[in-house]
N, C-alpha and C. Protein backbone atom coordinates (compact mmCIF):
# COMPACT_ATOMS: atom_id res chain seq x y z
N MET A 1 149.14 132.49 107.79
CA MET A 1 148.34 131.52 108.30
C MET A 1 147.62 132.22 109.38
N LYS A 2 146.02 132.01 109.38
CA LYS A 2 145.23 132.38 110.56
C LYS A 2 145.34 131.43 111.65
N LYS A 3 145.21 132.23 112.71
CA LYS A 3 145.43 131.28 113.91
C LYS A 3 144.05 131.13 114.65
N LYS A 4 143.50 130.14 114.87
CA LYS A 4 142.22 130.28 116.00
C LYS A 4 142.10 130.59 117.02
N LEU A 5 141.05 131.09 117.54
CA LEU A 5 140.85 131.61 118.62
C LEU A 5 141.38 131.14 119.96
N SER A 6 141.26 129.75 120.00
CA SER A 6 141.62 129.06 121.21
C SER A 6 143.29 129.19 121.06
N ASP A 7 143.94 129.05 120.02
CA ASP A 7 145.55 129.41 120.00
C ASP A 7 145.85 130.87 120.31
N LEU A 8 145.12 131.71 120.12
CA LEU A 8 145.74 132.93 120.34
C LEU A 8 145.61 133.11 121.86
N LEU A 9 144.08 132.50 122.52
CA LEU A 9 144.25 132.82 124.01
C LEU A 9 145.37 132.12 124.58
N ARG A 10 145.67 130.77 124.20
CA ARG A 10 146.68 130.15 124.72
C ARG A 10 148.07 131.22 124.80
N GLU A 11 148.38 131.68 123.89
CA GLU A 11 149.47 132.58 123.73
C GLU A 11 149.45 133.51 124.68
N GLU A 12 148.15 134.20 124.69
CA GLU A 12 147.94 135.32 125.70
C GLU A 12 148.25 134.76 127.47
N VAL A 13 147.90 133.62 127.61
CA VAL A 13 148.07 133.04 128.79
C VAL A 13 149.39 132.79 129.01
N ALA A 14 150.03 132.41 128.26
CA ALA A 14 151.62 132.17 128.10
C ALA A 14 152.39 133.27 128.42
N LYS A 15 151.76 134.64 127.81
CA LYS A 15 152.52 135.65 128.25
C LYS A 15 152.33 136.26 129.40
N GLU A 16 151.23 135.92 129.97
CA GLU A 16 150.68 136.48 131.44
C GLU A 16 151.60 135.51 132.41
N ASN A 17 151.65 134.33 132.37
CA ASN A 17 152.25 133.32 133.45
C ASN A 17 153.52 132.79 132.83
N PRO A 18 154.75 133.17 132.93
CA PRO A 18 155.83 132.67 132.07
C PRO A 18 155.90 131.65 132.88
N THR A 19 156.30 130.26 132.01
CA THR A 19 156.96 129.07 132.70
C THR A 19 157.75 128.75 132.36
N THR A 20 158.69 127.78 133.05
CA THR A 20 159.81 127.53 132.57
C THR A 20 159.92 126.77 131.15
N GLU A 21 160.77 126.45 130.19
CA GLU A 21 160.93 125.87 129.00
C GLU A 21 160.54 124.41 129.38
N GLY A 22 161.23 124.08 130.07
CA GLY A 22 161.24 122.57 130.45
C GLY A 22 159.67 121.78 130.72
N GLU A 23 158.95 122.81 131.58
CA GLU A 23 157.87 122.70 132.43
C GLU A 23 156.41 122.96 131.26
N THR A 24 155.91 121.91 131.02
CA THR A 24 154.64 122.05 130.19
C THR A 24 153.36 121.86 131.06
N PRO A 25 152.45 122.74 130.71
CA PRO A 25 151.21 122.56 131.63
C PRO A 25 150.62 121.24 131.42
N THR A 26 150.05 120.56 132.78
CA THR A 26 149.80 118.87 132.46
C THR A 26 148.19 119.35 132.35
N ALA A 27 147.62 118.22 132.27
CA ALA A 27 146.03 118.17 132.17
C ALA A 27 145.42 118.61 133.38
N LYS A 28 146.03 118.08 134.42
CA LYS A 28 145.53 118.38 135.66
C LYS A 28 145.62 119.96 136.02
N THR A 29 146.70 120.61 135.72
CA THR A 29 146.65 121.85 135.90
C THR A 29 145.97 122.90 134.84
N SER A 30 145.68 122.41 133.82
CA SER A 30 144.97 123.08 132.85
C SER A 30 143.26 122.91 133.46
N ARG A 31 142.95 121.65 133.99
CA ARG A 31 141.53 121.55 134.49
C ARG A 31 141.54 122.38 135.52
N ARG A 32 142.47 122.34 136.57
CA ARG A 32 142.22 122.82 137.72
C ARG A 32 142.08 124.61 137.20
N ARG A 33 142.83 125.01 136.41
CA ARG A 33 142.63 126.52 135.97
C ARG A 33 140.97 126.62 135.52
N ASN A 34 140.82 125.55 134.52
CA ASN A 34 139.50 126.05 133.89
C ASN A 34 138.20 125.65 134.88
N THR A 35 138.51 124.65 135.95
CA THR A 35 137.47 124.33 136.42
C THR A 35 136.93 125.48 137.87
N THR A 36 138.07 125.96 138.34
CA THR A 36 137.99 126.79 139.10
C THR A 36 138.30 128.18 138.46
N PRO A 37 137.59 129.04 137.97
CA PRO A 37 137.98 130.24 137.38
C PRO A 37 137.65 131.09 138.62
N GLU A 38 138.57 132.34 138.66
CA GLU A 38 138.49 133.31 139.57
C GLU A 38 137.49 134.39 138.93
N PRO A 39 137.13 135.49 139.67
CA PRO A 39 136.16 136.08 139.10
C PRO A 39 136.73 137.19 138.22
N GLU A 40 137.65 137.39 138.44
CA GLU A 40 138.85 138.06 137.54
C GLU A 40 139.24 137.28 136.33
N SER A 41 139.59 136.27 136.18
CA SER A 41 139.71 135.54 135.05
C SER A 41 138.48 135.15 134.13
N VAL A 42 137.56 135.50 134.68
CA VAL A 42 135.99 135.24 133.81
C VAL A 42 136.44 136.09 132.50
N THR A 43 136.56 137.34 132.85
CA THR A 43 136.61 138.37 131.95
C THR A 43 138.46 138.61 131.82
N PRO A 44 138.63 138.52 130.27
CA PRO A 44 139.66 138.43 129.78
C PRO A 44 140.56 139.91 130.52
N PRO A 45 141.61 139.67 131.06
CA PRO A 45 142.30 140.88 131.67
C PRO A 45 142.69 141.96 130.65
N HIS A 46 143.07 141.43 129.31
CA HIS A 46 143.39 142.32 128.40
C HIS A 46 142.51 142.35 127.27
N THR A 47 140.99 142.95 127.63
CA THR A 47 140.29 143.03 126.68
C THR A 47 140.49 143.94 125.55
N THR A 48 141.17 145.02 125.83
CA THR A 48 141.68 145.86 124.64
C THR A 48 142.60 145.49 123.83
N GLU A 49 143.25 144.54 124.20
CA GLU A 49 144.05 143.82 123.34
C GLU A 49 143.62 142.99 122.56
N ILE A 50 142.59 142.08 123.00
CA ILE A 50 141.82 141.28 122.04
C ILE A 50 140.89 141.87 121.19
N GLU A 51 140.25 142.89 121.64
CA GLU A 51 139.67 143.80 120.42
C GLU A 51 140.22 144.27 119.59
N GLU A 52 141.80 144.74 120.27
CA GLU A 52 142.22 145.56 118.97
C GLU A 52 142.97 144.62 118.12
N SER A 53 143.20 143.62 118.14
CA SER A 53 143.82 142.83 117.33
C SER A 53 142.79 142.30 116.19
N PRO A 54 143.09 142.60 114.97
CA PRO A 54 142.40 142.39 113.80
C PRO A 54 141.86 140.93 113.64
N ASP A 55 142.91 139.81 113.84
CA ASP A 55 142.78 138.58 113.56
C ASP A 55 141.40 137.93 114.29
N ILE A 56 141.80 138.28 115.80
CA ILE A 56 140.74 138.05 116.66
C ILE A 56 139.42 138.41 116.46
N LYS A 57 139.28 140.06 116.00
CA LYS A 57 138.22 140.21 115.74
C LYS A 57 137.63 139.62 114.50
N LEU A 58 138.04 139.24 113.65
CA LEU A 58 137.48 138.82 112.54
C LEU A 58 137.00 137.32 112.72
N GLU A 59 137.79 136.59 113.66
CA GLU A 59 137.70 135.36 114.10
C GLU A 59 136.45 135.34 114.77
N LEU A 60 136.23 136.31 115.81
CA LEU A 60 135.26 136.61 116.55
C LEU A 60 133.64 136.85 115.82
N GLU A 61 134.02 137.89 114.79
CA GLU A 61 132.84 138.07 113.99
C GLU A 61 132.44 136.72 112.96
N LYS A 62 133.35 135.75 112.50
CA LYS A 62 132.80 134.70 112.24
C LYS A 62 132.02 133.76 112.99
N GLN A 63 132.86 133.83 113.97
CA GLN A 63 132.01 132.88 114.98
C GLN A 63 130.55 133.33 115.45
N GLN A 64 130.56 134.60 115.56
CA GLN A 64 129.11 135.37 115.67
C GLN A 64 128.42 134.87 114.96
N ASN A 65 128.64 134.93 113.57
CA ASN A 65 127.92 134.95 112.36
C ASN A 65 127.54 133.38 112.31
N LEU A 66 128.45 132.53 112.39
CA LEU A 66 128.13 131.18 112.67
C LEU A 66 126.93 130.79 113.46
N VAL A 67 126.92 131.20 114.83
CA VAL A 67 125.97 131.24 115.88
C VAL A 67 124.81 131.86 115.39
N LYS A 68 124.99 132.73 114.76
CA LYS A 68 123.72 133.59 113.95
C LYS A 68 122.98 132.15 113.21
N THR A 69 123.73 132.12 111.95
CA THR A 69 123.12 130.79 111.03
C THR A 69 122.72 130.08 111.91
N LEU A 70 123.43 129.43 112.68
CA LEU A 70 122.94 128.08 113.12
C LEU A 70 121.72 128.34 113.79
N GLN A 71 121.41 129.44 114.54
CA GLN A 71 120.24 130.05 115.26
C GLN A 71 119.19 129.97 114.36
N GLU A 72 119.12 130.54 113.26
CA GLU A 72 118.27 130.71 112.42
C GLU A 72 118.03 129.23 111.69
N GLN A 73 119.12 128.53 111.25
CA GLN A 73 118.55 127.10 110.96
C GLN A 73 118.13 126.39 111.79
N VAL A 74 118.14 126.48 113.18
CA VAL A 74 117.23 125.97 114.32
C VAL A 74 116.14 126.29 114.37
N LYS A 75 115.66 127.44 114.24
CA LYS A 75 114.53 128.37 113.96
C LYS A 75 113.76 127.56 113.06
N GLU A 76 114.45 127.68 111.67
CA GLU A 76 113.66 126.79 110.34
C GLU A 76 113.58 125.49 110.77
N LYS A 77 114.39 124.83 111.17
CA LYS A 77 114.12 123.52 111.27
C LYS A 77 112.73 123.41 112.26
N GLN A 78 112.53 124.06 113.42
CA GLN A 78 111.54 123.85 114.25
C GLN A 78 110.37 124.45 113.95
N ALA A 79 110.31 125.36 112.60
CA ALA A 79 109.24 125.82 112.17
C ALA A 79 108.81 124.58 111.15
N LEU A 80 109.74 124.31 110.55
CA LEU A 80 109.55 122.94 109.80
C LEU A 80 108.76 121.80 110.18
N GLU A 81 109.57 121.33 111.57
CA GLU A 81 108.70 120.33 112.24
C GLU A 81 107.64 120.58 112.50
N THR A 82 107.00 121.93 112.85
CA THR A 82 105.66 122.09 113.53
C THR A 82 104.85 122.00 111.90
N GLU A 83 105.47 122.69 110.95
CA GLU A 83 104.59 122.53 109.73
C GLU A 83 104.21 121.07 109.53
N ILE A 84 105.34 120.09 109.56
CA ILE A 84 105.43 118.52 109.28
C ILE A 84 104.12 118.12 110.25
N LYS A 85 104.13 118.50 111.66
CA LYS A 85 103.22 118.21 112.78
C LYS A 85 101.74 118.69 112.23
N GLU A 86 101.42 119.77 111.71
CA GLU A 86 100.35 120.01 111.48
C GLU A 86 99.94 119.21 110.11
N ILE A 87 100.73 118.98 109.04
CA ILE A 87 100.53 118.51 107.90
C ILE A 87 99.94 117.09 108.06
N ASN A 88 100.77 116.39 108.91
CA ASN A 88 100.55 114.97 109.22
C ASN A 88 99.21 114.91 110.00
N GLN A 89 98.99 115.66 111.02
CA GLN A 89 97.43 115.75 111.67
C GLN A 89 96.32 116.02 110.47
N GLN A 90 96.51 117.02 109.90
CA GLN A 90 95.39 117.11 108.56
C GLN A 90 95.49 116.02 107.98
N LEU A 91 96.56 115.24 107.46
CA LEU A 91 96.51 114.02 106.52
C LEU A 91 95.67 112.95 107.15
N GLU A 92 96.09 112.78 108.93
CA GLU A 92 95.16 111.99 109.72
C GLU A 92 93.62 112.15 109.53
N GLN A 93 93.59 113.34 109.96
CA GLN A 93 92.08 114.01 109.65
C GLN A 93 91.23 113.54 108.63
N GLN A 94 91.98 113.73 107.28
CA GLN A 94 91.52 113.33 106.22
C GLN A 94 91.29 111.66 105.96
N LEU A 95 92.55 111.03 106.32
CA LEU A 95 92.18 109.43 106.40
C LEU A 95 91.08 109.07 107.14
N GLN A 96 90.92 109.60 108.45
CA GLN A 96 89.56 109.29 109.44
C GLN A 96 88.25 109.70 108.64
N GLU A 97 88.31 111.05 108.17
CA GLU A 97 87.02 111.23 107.11
C GLU A 97 86.94 110.38 106.25
N LYS A 98 87.76 109.96 105.26
CA LYS A 98 87.70 108.99 104.08
C LYS A 98 87.20 107.64 104.58
N GLN A 99 87.93 107.00 105.55
CA GLN A 99 87.70 105.89 106.49
C GLN A 99 85.84 106.02 106.69
N THR A 100 85.48 106.98 107.27
CA THR A 100 84.11 107.39 107.80
C THR A 100 83.17 107.40 106.73
N LEU A 101 83.60 107.96 105.78
CA LEU A 101 82.86 108.21 104.39
C LEU A 101 82.78 106.41 103.67
N SER A 102 83.86 105.89 103.70
CA SER A 102 83.78 104.77 103.18
C SER A 102 82.95 103.55 103.87
N ASN A 103 83.14 103.74 105.14
CA ASN A 103 82.09 102.72 106.01
C ASN A 103 80.55 103.33 105.70
N GLN A 104 80.44 104.60 105.52
CA GLN A 104 79.13 104.96 105.50
C GLN A 104 78.56 104.59 103.99
N LEU A 105 79.43 104.63 103.02
CA LEU A 105 79.09 103.80 101.45
C LEU A 105 78.94 102.44 101.64
N SER A 106 79.60 101.67 102.37
CA SER A 106 79.49 100.52 102.52
C SER A 106 78.21 100.16 103.02
N GLU A 107 77.48 100.62 103.97
CA GLU A 107 76.50 100.76 104.85
C GLU A 107 75.18 101.04 103.79
N ALA A 108 75.27 102.23 103.01
CA ALA A 108 74.68 102.51 102.18
C ALA A 108 74.36 101.51 101.03
N GLN A 109 75.13 100.82 100.65
CA GLN A 109 75.32 99.89 99.60
C GLN A 109 74.32 98.83 100.06
N THR A 110 74.75 98.16 101.39
CA THR A 110 74.16 97.23 101.89
C THR A 110 72.50 97.51 101.81
N GLN A 111 72.33 98.62 102.30
CA GLN A 111 71.00 99.14 102.37
C GLN A 111 69.89 99.18 101.37
N ILE A 112 70.77 99.35 100.30
CA ILE A 112 70.44 99.35 98.84
C ILE A 112 70.23 97.83 98.63
N GLU A 113 70.96 97.10 98.63
CA GLU A 113 70.88 95.75 98.24
C GLU A 113 69.78 95.14 98.93
N ASP A 114 69.63 95.63 100.12
CA ASP A 114 68.33 94.91 100.78
C ASP A 114 67.05 95.55 100.28
N GLN A 115 67.04 96.78 100.15
CA GLN A 115 65.64 97.48 99.31
C GLN A 115 65.52 96.84 98.18
N LYS A 116 66.57 96.50 97.28
CA LYS A 116 66.58 96.16 96.12
C LYS A 116 65.79 94.31 96.41
N LYS A 117 66.22 93.74 96.99
CA LYS A 117 65.66 92.54 97.21
C LYS A 117 64.19 92.59 97.66
N LEU A 118 63.87 93.15 98.39
CA LEU A 118 62.55 93.91 99.10
C LEU A 118 61.65 94.44 98.02
N ILE A 119 62.30 94.88 97.04
CA ILE A 119 61.41 95.44 95.96
C ILE A 119 61.01 94.24 94.68
N GLU A 120 62.29 93.52 94.63
CA GLU A 120 61.85 92.32 93.91
C GLU A 120 61.01 91.13 94.39
N LYS A 121 60.77 91.17 95.68
CA LYS A 121 59.98 90.20 96.66
C LYS A 121 58.65 90.70 96.35
N LEU A 122 58.39 92.17 96.61
CA LEU A 122 57.19 92.82 96.30
C LEU A 122 56.62 92.52 94.93
N TYR A 123 57.53 92.96 94.04
CA TYR A 123 57.26 92.76 92.71
C TYR A 123 56.54 91.18 92.12
N ALA A 124 57.23 90.48 92.66
CA ALA A 124 56.94 89.04 92.29
C ALA A 124 55.47 88.78 92.81
N GLN A 125 55.44 89.32 94.14
CA GLN A 125 54.09 88.86 95.00
C GLN A 125 52.96 89.98 94.30
N LEU A 126 53.37 91.28 93.66
CA LEU A 126 52.27 91.71 92.89
C LEU A 126 52.03 91.05 91.48
N MET A 127 52.94 90.71 91.20
CA MET A 127 52.42 90.01 89.57
C MET A 127 51.66 88.86 89.89
N GLU A 128 52.05 87.94 91.08
CA GLU A 128 51.09 86.99 91.33
C GLU A 128 49.63 87.13 91.74
N LYS A 129 49.44 88.33 92.38
CA LYS A 129 48.31 88.75 92.61
C LYS A 129 47.39 89.09 91.45
N GLN A 130 48.30 89.80 90.44
CA GLN A 130 47.64 90.23 89.34
C GLN A 130 47.16 89.21 88.38
N GLU A 131 47.87 88.02 88.31
CA GLU A 131 47.68 86.75 87.66
C GLU A 131 46.50 86.22 87.99
N GLU A 132 46.43 86.13 89.64
CA GLU A 132 45.16 85.59 90.30
C GLU A 132 43.89 86.28 90.00
N GLN A 133 44.24 87.89 90.13
CA GLN A 133 42.90 88.66 89.94
C GLN A 133 42.49 88.45 88.22
N SER A 134 43.63 88.47 87.33
CA SER A 134 43.11 88.34 85.77
C SER A 134 42.66 86.82 85.61
N LEU A 135 42.73 85.79 86.53
CA LEU A 135 42.10 84.62 86.22
C LEU A 135 40.73 84.53 86.80
N LYS A 136 40.57 84.98 87.79
CA LYS A 136 39.34 85.40 88.46
C LYS A 136 38.26 86.09 87.64
N PHE A 137 38.80 87.52 87.20
CA PHE A 137 37.88 87.78 86.02
C PHE A 137 38.01 87.50 84.65
N GLU A 138 38.58 86.88 84.32
CA GLU A 138 38.76 86.43 82.78
C GLU A 138 37.53 85.59 82.29
N PRO A 139 36.83 85.85 81.73
CA PRO A 139 35.62 84.67 81.14
C PRO A 139 36.18 83.45 80.90
N GLU A 140 35.61 82.51 80.95
CA GLU A 140 36.15 81.27 80.41
C GLU A 140 35.72 81.34 78.99
N PRO A 141 36.46 80.87 78.02
CA PRO A 141 36.57 80.61 76.73
C PRO A 141 35.26 79.60 76.05
N GLU A 142 34.54 80.46 75.56
CA GLU A 142 33.30 79.64 74.95
C GLU A 142 33.65 78.46 74.02
N PRO A 143 33.34 77.34 74.23
CA PRO A 143 33.63 76.17 73.47
C PRO A 143 33.08 76.53 71.88
N GLU A 144 34.02 75.85 71.07
CA GLU A 144 33.79 76.10 69.64
C GLU A 144 32.42 75.31 69.31
N PRO A 145 31.78 75.54 68.63
CA PRO A 145 30.75 74.86 68.10
C PRO A 145 31.50 73.63 67.11
N GLU A 146 30.83 72.78 67.48
CA GLU A 146 31.49 71.37 66.67
C GLU A 146 30.80 71.27 65.39
N PRO A 147 31.67 70.96 64.22
CA PRO A 147 31.53 71.19 62.81
C PRO A 147 30.38 70.08 62.40
N PRO A 148 29.57 70.10 61.64
CA PRO A 148 28.39 69.25 61.49
C PRO A 148 29.50 67.61 60.91
N LYS A 149 28.90 66.71 61.17
CA LYS A 149 29.27 65.39 61.20
C LYS A 149 29.68 65.11 59.32
N ALA A 150 28.92 65.58 58.39
CA ALA A 150 28.80 65.41 57.12
C ALA A 150 30.15 66.21 56.54
N ALA A 151 30.54 67.31 57.05
CA ALA A 151 31.55 67.94 56.91
C ALA A 151 33.04 66.99 57.29
N ILE A 152 33.05 66.69 58.22
CA ILE A 152 33.76 65.68 58.85
C ILE A 152 34.25 64.62 57.92
N VAL A 153 33.26 63.77 57.85
CA VAL A 153 33.03 62.57 56.46
C VAL A 153 33.78 62.91 55.43
N GLN A 154 33.37 64.21 54.62
CA GLN A 154 33.78 64.66 53.51
C GLN A 154 35.22 65.06 53.50
N ASN A 155 35.85 65.58 54.66
CA ASN A 155 37.34 65.81 54.72
C ASN A 155 38.00 64.80 55.12
N PHE A 156 37.40 63.56 55.81
CA PHE A 156 38.47 62.38 55.91
C PHE A 156 38.29 61.68 54.61
N ARG A 157 37.53 61.53 53.61
CA ARG A 157 37.55 61.12 52.43
C ARG A 157 38.46 61.65 51.42
N ARG A 158 38.55 63.01 51.50
CA ARG A 158 39.75 63.82 50.91
C ARG A 158 40.82 63.50 51.23
N SER A 159 41.18 63.40 52.30
CA SER A 159 42.32 63.21 53.12
C SER A 159 42.96 61.54 52.59
N SER A 160 42.21 60.66 52.63
CA SER A 160 42.31 59.44 52.47
C SER A 160 42.69 59.25 50.96
N ASN A 161 41.92 59.87 49.98
CA ASN A 161 42.11 59.49 48.59
C ASN A 161 43.52 60.32 48.45
N TYR A 162 43.95 61.58 48.94
CA TYR A 162 45.09 62.13 48.79
C TYR A 162 46.39 60.85 49.47
N VAL A 163 46.20 60.59 50.40
CA VAL A 163 47.29 59.52 51.07
C VAL A 163 47.56 58.47 50.08
N GLU A 164 46.24 58.01 49.46
CA GLU A 164 46.42 56.53 48.38
C GLU A 164 47.22 56.91 47.19
N ARG A 165 47.10 58.40 46.97
CA ARG A 165 48.13 58.62 45.96
C ARG A 165 49.51 58.54 46.09
N LEU A 166 49.72 58.82 47.43
CA LEU A 166 51.32 58.70 47.65
C LEU A 166 52.18 57.36 48.09
N ILE A 167 50.75 56.34 48.27
CA ILE A 167 51.51 55.05 48.44
C ILE A 167 51.65 54.48 47.27
N ALA A 168 53.16 53.91 46.91
CA ALA A 168 53.56 53.17 45.96
C ALA A 168 52.64 51.74 45.43
N PRO A 169 52.74 51.72 43.98
CA PRO A 169 52.21 50.32 44.01
C PRO A 169 52.70 48.91 44.67
N ASN A 170 51.92 48.09 44.31
CA ASN A 170 52.58 46.65 44.78
C ASN A 170 53.65 46.30 43.80
N GLY A 171 54.83 45.74 44.24
CA GLY A 171 55.75 45.35 43.01
C GLY A 171 55.60 44.13 42.75
N SER A 172 56.05 43.64 41.40
CA SER A 172 55.70 42.49 40.84
C SER A 172 56.43 41.20 41.77
N SER A 173 55.83 40.15 41.39
CA SER A 173 56.66 39.13 41.94
C SER A 173 57.93 38.46 41.43
N ARG A 174 57.73 38.92 40.23
CA ARG A 174 58.86 38.11 39.42
C ARG A 174 60.29 39.18 39.67
N THR A 175 61.35 38.39 39.81
CA THR A 175 62.53 38.92 40.48
C THR A 175 63.45 38.91 39.03
N LEU A 176 64.32 39.72 39.00
CA LEU A 176 65.28 39.97 38.03
C LEU A 176 66.59 39.26 38.34
N SER A 177 67.03 38.54 37.70
CA SER A 177 68.56 38.06 38.18
C SER A 177 69.76 38.91 37.79
N ASP A 178 70.78 38.56 37.85
CA ASP A 178 71.83 39.53 37.84
C ASP A 178 72.50 39.52 36.25
N GLU A 179 72.15 38.19 35.84
CA GLU A 179 72.53 38.11 34.22
C GLU A 179 71.48 39.04 33.37
N VAL A 180 70.22 39.10 33.87
CA VAL A 180 69.33 39.89 33.10
C VAL A 180 69.72 41.52 33.26
N ILE A 181 70.13 41.65 34.30
CA ILE A 181 70.20 43.03 34.57
C ILE A 181 71.73 43.50 33.63
N GLY A 182 72.74 42.86 34.07
CA GLY A 182 73.76 42.69 32.99
C GLY A 182 74.89 43.37 33.67
N TRP A 183 74.70 43.70 34.77
CA TRP A 183 75.88 44.89 35.51
C TRP A 183 76.93 44.27 35.85
N PHE A 184 76.98 42.85 36.28
CA PHE A 184 77.98 42.10 36.90
C PHE A 184 78.80 41.28 36.16
N ASP A 185 78.67 41.65 34.71
CA ASP A 185 79.43 40.91 33.67
C ASP A 185 80.80 41.01 33.73
């Protein structure tokens, strides 16, 4: 079973400072030792022993590798964050550009509508003026010569003869009874 670096360091400290078996270091004493380090205790007294033990060396290499990978991940994360910020800024710029284009388009549409209305109004005025001009310069129609009275009288006689033929003759004054007809027997 592999021991952790902290466990191995505790064993080394226990070897240097023998304590009685019944006496275990309390939190106060361990804190005191950790909070007030002596200049000699900053560097481990047996650096050659730590470097020589293969377990500690492997654990140290693992820790260093982990630190390197974490640093790389932090750098990658920072790079991604800056890239995200740049993309976000680009998107905001594009959004602003599109909004300005949209505003310009709506303004252009309103201008076009106004111009269209003006053109329609001017066209209507132009058509009115053309009609007035054409009425001014249009010669009045010449009155048709009246047909001679003899032709009119002759046409009237023809039409009256035609109408007389269409009128039914007067009926007889005699009425037929139902018995004569025989329909209601």
